[in-house]
Amino acid sequence: MRRRSFLRIGAGLAVGVPLAAALAGCTVEDPLAAQAKAGDNKNYIAGDGSVTEYAVSERGEPVELSGTLFDGTTVTNADWAGDVVVLNFWYAACAPCRKEAPDLVELHEQFSPEGARFYGVNIRDEAKTAEAFERNFAIPYPSFEDRNGDVLLAMTGYVPPQAVPTTLVLDREGRVSARILGLAEKGTLKTLISDALAA
């Protein structure tokens, strides 16, 4: 069974032994947005599958951001005040993004009635490419068109995504409560969302 490293910050627990990297790919030191736009035929920027959950006392300030969805709607953090938010950074040529998409759809269906909002953050694709991906996987939630890096840049002041895919969970106060670098395992993400909703 594949294991993930898991780290709780500020909760008196730090456990995890990363085994082999969960994803194949190149480790990069350049900023995520620059690598995603580089056009050098890298399919994705590998994350190691590490999971970090932040204790309430370690979550810092609420996230402030503004971005534009593919349908042209402007969304800011004020639009989800009081809700738990899942932000998934992706693009269509990213193999692990395709692998985790069905799980994200299922988790959206499970948790949206409880007050969890899901948003994709597409850092690379034009609208037609992103829409084809969303049709193929029946993605029910919207995505930011973030080729200009506005959402990505806003998040680097809180918890840098650092890999594609990255999934962030924001608590009801808009603070980052958890981050998964790389492929999000369904059971792990389910627990992180449940924890944020229960807090």
C-alpha atoms as a PDB file:
ATOM      1  CA  MET A   1       0.000   0.000   0.000  1.00  0.00           C
ATOM      2  CA  ARG A   2       1.370   3.420  -0.939  1.00  0.00           C
ATOM      3  CA  ARG A   3       1.988   5.625   2.080  1.00  0.00           C
ATOM      4  CA  ARG A   4       2.011   9.384   2.208  1.00  0.00           C
ATOM      5  CA  SER A   5       4.014  11.616   4.471  1.00  0.00           C
ATOM      6  CA  PHE A   6       1.680  13.449   6.833  1.00  0.00           C
ATOM      7  CA  LEU A   7       2.599  16.392   8.978  1.00  0.00           C
ATOM      8  CA  ARG A   8       0.500  18.201  11.555  1.00  0.00           C
ATOM      9  CA  ILE A   9       1.780  21.673  12.346  1.00  0.00           C
ATOM     10  CA  GLY A  10       1.393  23.048  15.849  1.00  0.00           C
ATOM     11  CA  ALA A  11      -0.627  20.099  17.103  1.00  0.00           C
ATOM     12  CA  GLY A  12       2.173  18.337  18.959  1.00  0.00           C
ATOM     13  CA  LEU A  13       2.412  15.657  16.288  1.00  0.00           C
ATOM     14  CA  ALA A  14       4.792  15.346  13.397  1.00  0.00           C
ATOM     15  CA  VAL A  15       4.669  11.928  11.832  1.00  0.00           C
ATOM     16  CA  GLY A  16       5.609  10.683   8.417  1.00  0.00           C
ATOM     17  CA  VAL A  17       8.245   8.815   6.513  1.00  0.00           C
ATOM     18  CA  PRO A  18       8.046   9.545   2.797  1.00  0.00           C
ATOM     19  CA  LEU A  19       8.716   6.348   0.914  1.00  0.00           C
ATOM     20  CA  ALA A  20       9.327   6.413  -2.816  1.00  0.00           C
ATOM     21  CA  ALA A  21       8.001   9.537  -4.461  1.00  0.00           C
ATOM     22  CA  ALA A  22       4.344   9.071  -5.197  1.00  0.00           C
ATOM     23  CA  LEU A  23       4.641  10.654  -8.602  1.00  0.00           C
ATOM     24  CA  ALA A  24       7.205  10.352 -11.363  1.00  0.00           C
ATOM     25  CA  GLY A  25       8.607  13.598 -12.691  1.00  0.00           C
ATOM     26  CA  CYS A  26      11.311  16.179 -12.297  1.00  0.00           C
ATOM     27  CA  THR A  27      11.951  18.091  -9.132  1.00  0.00           C
ATOM     28  CA  VAL A  28      12.105  21.779  -9.908  1.00  0.00           C
ATOM     29  CA  GLU A  29      13.278  24.848  -8.032  1.00  0.00           C
ATOM     30  CA  ASP A  30      11.771  27.486 -10.277  1.00  0.00           C
ATOM     31  CA  PRO A  31       8.439  29.080  -9.374  1.00  0.00           C
ATOM     32  CA  LEU A  32       5.422  26.946 -10.136  1.00  0.00           C
ATOM     33  CA  ALA A  33       3.812  29.387 -12.522  1.00  0.00           C
ATOM     34  CA  ALA A  34       6.982  29.865 -14.552  1.00  0.00           C
ATOM     35  CA  GLN A  35       7.469  26.118 -14.903  1.00  0.00           C
ATOM     36  CA  ALA A  36       3.850  25.508 -15.845  1.00  0.00           C
ATOM     37  CA  LYS A  37       4.109  28.084 -18.624  1.00  0.00           C
ATOM     38  CA  ALA A  38       7.559  27.072 -19.806  1.00  0.00           C
ATOM     39  CA  GLY A  39       6.346  24.928 -22.703  1.00  0.00           C
ATOM     40  CA  ASP A  40       9.224  22.478 -22.268  1.00  0.00           C
ATOM     41  CA  ASN A  41       7.050  19.362 -22.580  1.00  0.00           C
ATOM     42  CA  LYS A  42       7.013  18.565 -18.876  1.00  0.00           C
ATOM     43  CA  ASN A  43       3.639  17.019 -18.214  1.00  0.00           C
ATOM     44  CA  TYR A  44       3.455  18.278 -14.655  1.00  0.00           C
ATOM     45  CA  ILE A  45       5.526  19.468 -11.738  1.00  0.00           C
ATOM     46  CA  ALA A  46       5.793  16.576  -9.336  1.00  0.00           C
ATOM     47  CA  GLY A  47       4.732  16.781  -5.737  1.00  0.00           C
ATOM     48  CA  ASP A  48       5.699  14.071  -3.283  1.00  0.00           C
ATOM     49  CA  GLY A  49       2.184  13.543  -1.969  1.00  0.00           C
ATOM     50  CA  SER A  50       3.036  15.159   1.345  1.00  0.00           C
ATOM     51  CA  VAL A  51       0.136  16.319   3.479  1.00  0.00           C
ATOM     52  CA  THR A  52       0.325  19.170   5.967  1.00  0.00           C
ATOM     53  CA  GLU A  53      -2.527  19.960   8.337  1.00  0.00           C
ATOM     54  CA  TYR A  54      -2.219  23.197  10.305  1.00  0.00           C
ATOM     55  CA  ALA A  55      -3.423  23.567  13.879  1.00  0.00           C
ATOM     56  CA  VAL A  56      -5.893  26.421  14.393  1.00  0.00           C
ATOM     57  CA  SER A  57      -3.238  28.472  16.212  1.00  0.00           C
ATOM     58  CA  GLU A  58      -0.852  28.119  13.249  1.00  0.00           C
ATOM     59  CA  ARG A  59      -3.153  29.113  10.392  1.00  0.00           C
ATOM     60  CA  GLY A  60      -2.258  32.756  10.124  1.00  0.00           C
ATOM     61  CA  GLU A  61      -4.407  35.351   8.393  1.00  0.00           C
ATOM     62  CA  PRO A  62      -7.455  34.669   6.213  1.00  0.00           C
ATOM     63  CA  VAL A  63      -6.671  34.357   2.523  1.00  0.00           C
ATOM     64  CA  GLU A  64      -7.405  37.401   0.391  1.00  0.00           C
ATOM     65  CA  LEU A  65      -7.617  36.876  -3.342  1.00  0.00           C
ATOM     66  CA  SER A  66      -9.499  37.854  -6.458  1.00  0.00           C
ATOM     67  CA  GLY A  67      -9.647  35.943  -9.722  1.00  0.00           C
ATOM     68  CA  THR A  68     -11.699  35.382 -12.836  1.00  0.00           C
ATOM     69  CA  LEU A  69     -13.470  32.130 -13.634  1.00  0.00           C
ATOM     70  CA  PHE A  70     -13.483  30.767 -17.171  1.00  0.00           C
ATOM     71  CA  ASP A  71     -17.046  32.068 -17.613  1.00  0.00           C
ATOM     72  CA  GLY A  72     -15.846  35.601 -16.888  1.00  0.00           C
ATOM     73  CA  THR A  73     -17.203  35.829 -13.337  1.00  0.00           C
ATOM     74  CA  THR A  74     -14.957  37.581 -10.836  1.00  0.00           C
ATOM     75  CA  VAL A  75     -14.687  35.728  -7.520  1.00  0.00           C
ATOM     76  CA  THR A  76     -13.072  37.012  -4.343  1.00  0.00           C
ATOM     77  CA  ASN A  77     -12.608  35.498  -0.925  1.00  0.00           C
ATOM     78  CA  ALA A  78     -15.640  37.502   0.229  1.00  0.00           C
ATOM     79  CA  ASP A  79     -17.833  35.253  -1.946  1.00  0.00           C
ATOM     80  CA  TRP A  80     -17.176  32.211   0.227  1.00  0.00           C
ATOM     81  CA  ALA A  81     -17.203  33.829   3.671  1.00  0.00           C
ATOM     82  CA  GLY A  82     -18.210  31.266   6.297  1.00  0.00           C
ATOM     83  CA  ASP A  83     -17.695  28.251   4.020  1.00  0.00           C
ATOM     84  CA  VAL A  84     -14.931  25.672   3.855  1.00  0.00           C
ATOM     85  CA  VAL A  85     -13.145  26.002   0.505  1.00  0.00           C
ATOM     86  CA  VAL A  86     -11.155  23.455  -1.496  1.00  0.00           C
ATOM     87  CA  LEU A  87      -8.755  24.969  -4.057  1.00  0.00           C
ATOM     88  CA  ASN A  88      -7.280  22.494  -6.539  1.00  0.00           C
ATOM     89  CA  PHE A  89      -4.417  23.722  -8.771  1.00  0.00           C
ATOM     90  CA  TRP A  90      -4.422  21.860 -12.087  1.00  0.00           C
ATOM     91  CA  TYR A  91      -4.057  21.877 -15.857  1.00  0.00           C
ATOM     92  CA  ALA A  92      -5.241  19.470 -18.506  1.00  0.00           C
ATOM     93  CA  ALA A  93      -1.911  17.867 -19.495  1.00  0.00           C
ATOM     94  CA  CYS A  94      -1.156  16.978 -15.874  1.00  0.00           C
ATOM     95  CA  ALA A  95      -1.430  13.194 -15.474  1.00  0.00           C
ATOM     96  CA  PRO A  96      -2.110  13.156 -11.712  1.00  0.00           C
ATOM     97  CA  CYS A  97      -4.702  15.907 -12.215  1.00  0.00           C
ATOM     98  CA  ARG A  98      -6.627  13.518 -14.459  1.00  0.00           C
ATOM     99  CA  LYS A  99      -6.217  10.702 -11.953  1.00  0.00           C
ATOM    100  CA  GLU A 100      -7.604  12.674  -9.007  1.00  0.00           C
ATOM    101  CA  ALA A 101     -10.440  14.382 -10.925  1.00  0.00           C
ATOM    102  CA  PRO A 102     -13.107  11.675 -10.325  1.00  0.00           C
ATOM    103  CA  ASP A 103     -12.362  11.722  -6.581  1.00  0.00           C
ATOM    104  CA  LEU A 104     -12.692  15.504  -6.470  1.00  0.00           C
ATOM    105  CA  VAL A 105     -16.066  15.234  -8.201  1.00  0.00           C
ATOM    106  CA  GLU A 106     -17.269  12.676  -5.646  1.00  0.00           C
ATOM    107  CA  LEU A 107     -16.017  14.745  -2.708  1.00  0.00           C
ATOM    108  CA  HIS A 108     -17.716  17.831  -4.137  1.00  0.00           C
ATOM    109  CA  GLU A 109     -21.009  15.953  -4.325  1.00  0.00           C
ATOM    110  CA  GLN A 110     -20.576  14.692  -0.759  1.00  0.00           C
ATOM    111  CA  PHE A 111     -19.513  17.917   0.925  1.00  0.00           C
ATOM    112  CA  SER A 112     -21.126  20.785  -0.989  1.00  0.00           C
ATOM    113  CA  PRO A 113     -24.450  20.288   0.880  1.00  0.00           C
ATOM    114  CA  GLU A 114     -22.492  20.728   4.138  1.00  0.00           C
ATOM    115  CA  GLY A 115     -21.074  24.101   3.139  1.00  0.00           C
ATOM    116  CA  ALA A 116     -17.864  23.199   1.306  1.00  0.00           C
ATOM    117  CA  ARG A 117     -17.084  25.034  -1.929  1.00  0.00           C
ATOM    118  CA  PHE A 118     -14.734  23.683  -4.558  1.00  0.00           C
ATOM    119  CA  TYR A 119     -12.766  25.727  -7.092  1.00  0.00           C
ATOM    120  CA  GLY A 120     -10.203  24.659  -9.619  1.00  0.00           C
ATOM    121  CA  VAL A 121      -7.279  26.959 -10.312  1.00  0.00           C
ATOM    122  CA  ASN A 122      -6.069  26.344 -13.853  1.00  0.00           C
ATOM    123  CA  ILE A 123      -2.598  27.796 -14.240  1.00  0.00           C
ATOM    124  CA  ARG A 124      -1.928  26.979 -17.884  1.00  0.00           C
ATOM    125  CA  ASP A 125      -4.833  26.233 -20.246  1.00  0.00           C
ATOM    126  CA  GLU A 126      -6.912  28.312 -22.575  1.00  0.00           C
ATOM    127  CA  ALA A 127     -10.672  28.033 -22.167  1.00  0.00           C
ATOM    128  CA  LYS A 128     -11.276  25.334 -24.812  1.00  0.00           C
ATOM    129  CA  THR A 129      -8.670  23.009 -23.315  1.00  0.00           C
ATOM    130  CA  ALA A 130      -9.946  23.491 -19.786  1.00  0.00           C
ATOM    131  CA  GLU A 131     -13.564  23.045 -20.854  1.00  0.00           C
ATOM    132  CA  ALA A 132     -12.739  19.785 -22.643  1.00  0.00           C
ATOM    133  CA  PHE A 133     -11.137  18.447 -19.459  1.00  0.00           C
ATOM    134  CA  GLU A 134     -14.133  19.530 -17.390  1.00  0.00           C
ATOM    135  CA  ARG A 135     -16.589  17.875 -19.806  1.00  0.00           C
ATOM    136  CA  ASN A 136     -14.561  14.677 -19.902  1.00  0.00           C
ATOM    137  CA  PHE A 137     -14.540  14.337 -16.113  1.00  0.00           C
ATOM    138  CA  ALA A 138     -17.959  15.966 -15.500  1.00  0.00           C
ATOM    139  CA  ILE A 139     -16.429  18.563 -13.203  1.00  0.00           C
ATOM    140  CA  PRO A 140     -19.383  20.303 -11.498  1.00  0.00           C
ATOM    141  CA  TYR A 141     -17.499  23.204  -9.906  1.00  0.00           C
ATOM    142  CA  PRO A 142     -15.896  26.227 -11.599  1.00  0.00           C
ATOM    143  CA  SER A 143     -12.233  26.949 -12.215  1.00  0.00           C
ATOM    144  CA  PHE A 144     -10.251  30.147 -12.155  1.00  0.00           C
ATOM    145  CA  GLU A 145      -8.467  30.980 -15.402  1.00  0.00           C
ATOM    146  CA  ASP A 146      -5.125  31.791 -13.811  1.00  0.00           C
ATOM    147  CA  ARG A 147      -2.585  31.923 -16.639  1.00  0.00           C
ATOM    148  CA  ASN A 148      -1.701  35.409 -15.408  1.00  0.00           C
ATOM    149  CA  GLY A 149      -0.906  33.935 -11.974  1.00  0.00           C
ATOM    150  CA  ASP A 150      -3.122  36.211  -9.871  1.00  0.00           C
ATOM    151  CA  VAL A 151      -4.556  33.446  -7.661  1.00  0.00           C
ATOM    152  CA  LEU A 152      -1.258  31.585  -7.517  1.00  0.00           C
ATOM    153  CA  LEU A 153       0.591  34.740  -6.512  1.00  0.00           C
ATOM    154  CA  ALA A 154      -2.008  35.568  -3.868  1.00  0.00           C
ATOM    155  CA  MET A 155      -1.620  32.108  -2.323  1.00  0.00           C
ATOM    156  CA  THR A 156       2.186  32.257  -2.142  1.00  0.00           C
ATOM    157  CA  GLY A 157       1.783  34.752   0.706  1.00  0.00           C
ATOM    158  CA  TYR A 158       0.004  32.099   2.769  1.00  0.00           C
ATOM    159  CA  VAL A 159       0.988  28.559   1.757  1.00  0.00           C
ATOM    160  CA  PRO A 160       2.797  28.193  -1.588  1.00  0.00           C
ATOM    161  CA  PRO A 161       1.268  25.509  -3.848  1.00  0.00           C
ATOM    162  CA  GLN A 162       4.761  24.451  -5.159  1.00  0.00           C
ATOM    163  CA  ALA A 163       3.507  21.561  -7.327  1.00  0.00           C
ATOM    164  CA  VAL A 164       0.810  20.557  -9.776  1.00  0.00           C
ATOM    165  CA  PRO A 165      -1.541  19.307  -8.597  1.00  0.00           C
ATOM    166  CA  THR A 166      -1.762  20.959  -5.202  1.00  0.00           C
ATOM    167  CA  THR A 167      -4.938  20.982  -3.135  1.00  0.00           C
ATOM    168  CA  LEU A 168      -5.557  23.502  -0.363  1.00  0.00           C
ATOM    169  CA  VAL A 169      -8.352  23.392   2.211  1.00  0.00           C
ATOM    170  CA  LEU A 170      -9.453  26.697   3.744  1.00  0.00           C
ATOM    171  CA  ASP A 171     -11.390  26.751   7.005  1.00  0.00           C
ATOM    172  CA  ARG A 172     -14.601  28.705   7.620  1.00  0.00           C
ATOM    173  CA  GLU A 173     -12.554  31.776   8.503  1.00  0.00           C
ATOM    174  CA  GLY A 174     -10.738  31.599   5.167  1.00  0.00           C
ATOM    175  CA  ARG A 175      -7.416  30.396   6.577  1.00  0.00           C
ATOM    176  CA  VAL A 176      -5.370  27.558   5.080  1.00  0.00           C
ATOM    177  CA  SER A 177      -6.046  24.501   7.227  1.00  0.00           C
ATOM    178  CA  ALA A 178      -4.350  21.874   5.041  1.00  0.00           C
ATOM    179  CA  ARG A 179      -2.225  21.375   1.933  1.00  0.00           C
ATOM    180  CA  ILE A 180      -1.582  18.329  -0.240  1.00  0.00           C
ATOM    181  CA  LEU A 181       1.394  18.587  -2.599  1.00  0.00           C
ATOM    182  CA  GLY A 182       0.825  16.244  -5.515  1.00  0.00           C
ATOM    183  CA  LEU A 183      -1.906  13.696  -6.077  1.00  0.00           C
ATOM    184  CA  ALA A 184      -4.697  14.009  -3.505  1.00  0.00           C
ATOM    185  CA  GLU A 185      -5.772  10.633  -2.179  1.00  0.00           C
ATOM    186  CA  LYS A 186      -9.523  10.592  -1.730  1.00  0.00           C
ATOM    187  CA  GLY A 187      -9.559   9.309   1.845  1.00  0.00           C
ATOM    188  CA  THR A 188      -6.959  11.816   2.995  1.00  0.00           C
ATOM    189  CA  LEU A 189      -8.708  14.778   1.389  1.00  0.00           C
ATOM    190  CA  LYS A 190     -12.042  13.598   2.771  1.00  0.00           C
ATOM    191  CA  THR A 191     -10.584  13.655   6.283  1.00  0.00           C
ATOM    192  CA  LEU A 192      -9.101  17.123   5.808  1.00  0.00           C
ATOM    193  CA  ILE A 193     -12.392  18.538   4.556  1.00  0.00           C
ATOM    194  CA  SER A 194     -14.306  16.837   7.368  1.00  0.00           C
ATOM    195  CA  ASP A 195     -11.909  18.284   9.935  1.00  0.00           C
ATOM    196  CA  ALA A 196     -12.328  21.790   8.517  1.00  0.00           C
ATOM    197  CA  LEU A 197     -16.124  21.485   8.499  1.00  0.00           C
ATOM    198  CA  ALA A 198     -16.198  20.203  12.068  1.00  0.00           C
ATOM    199  CA  ALA A 199     -14.016  22.958  13.504  1.00  0.00           C
END
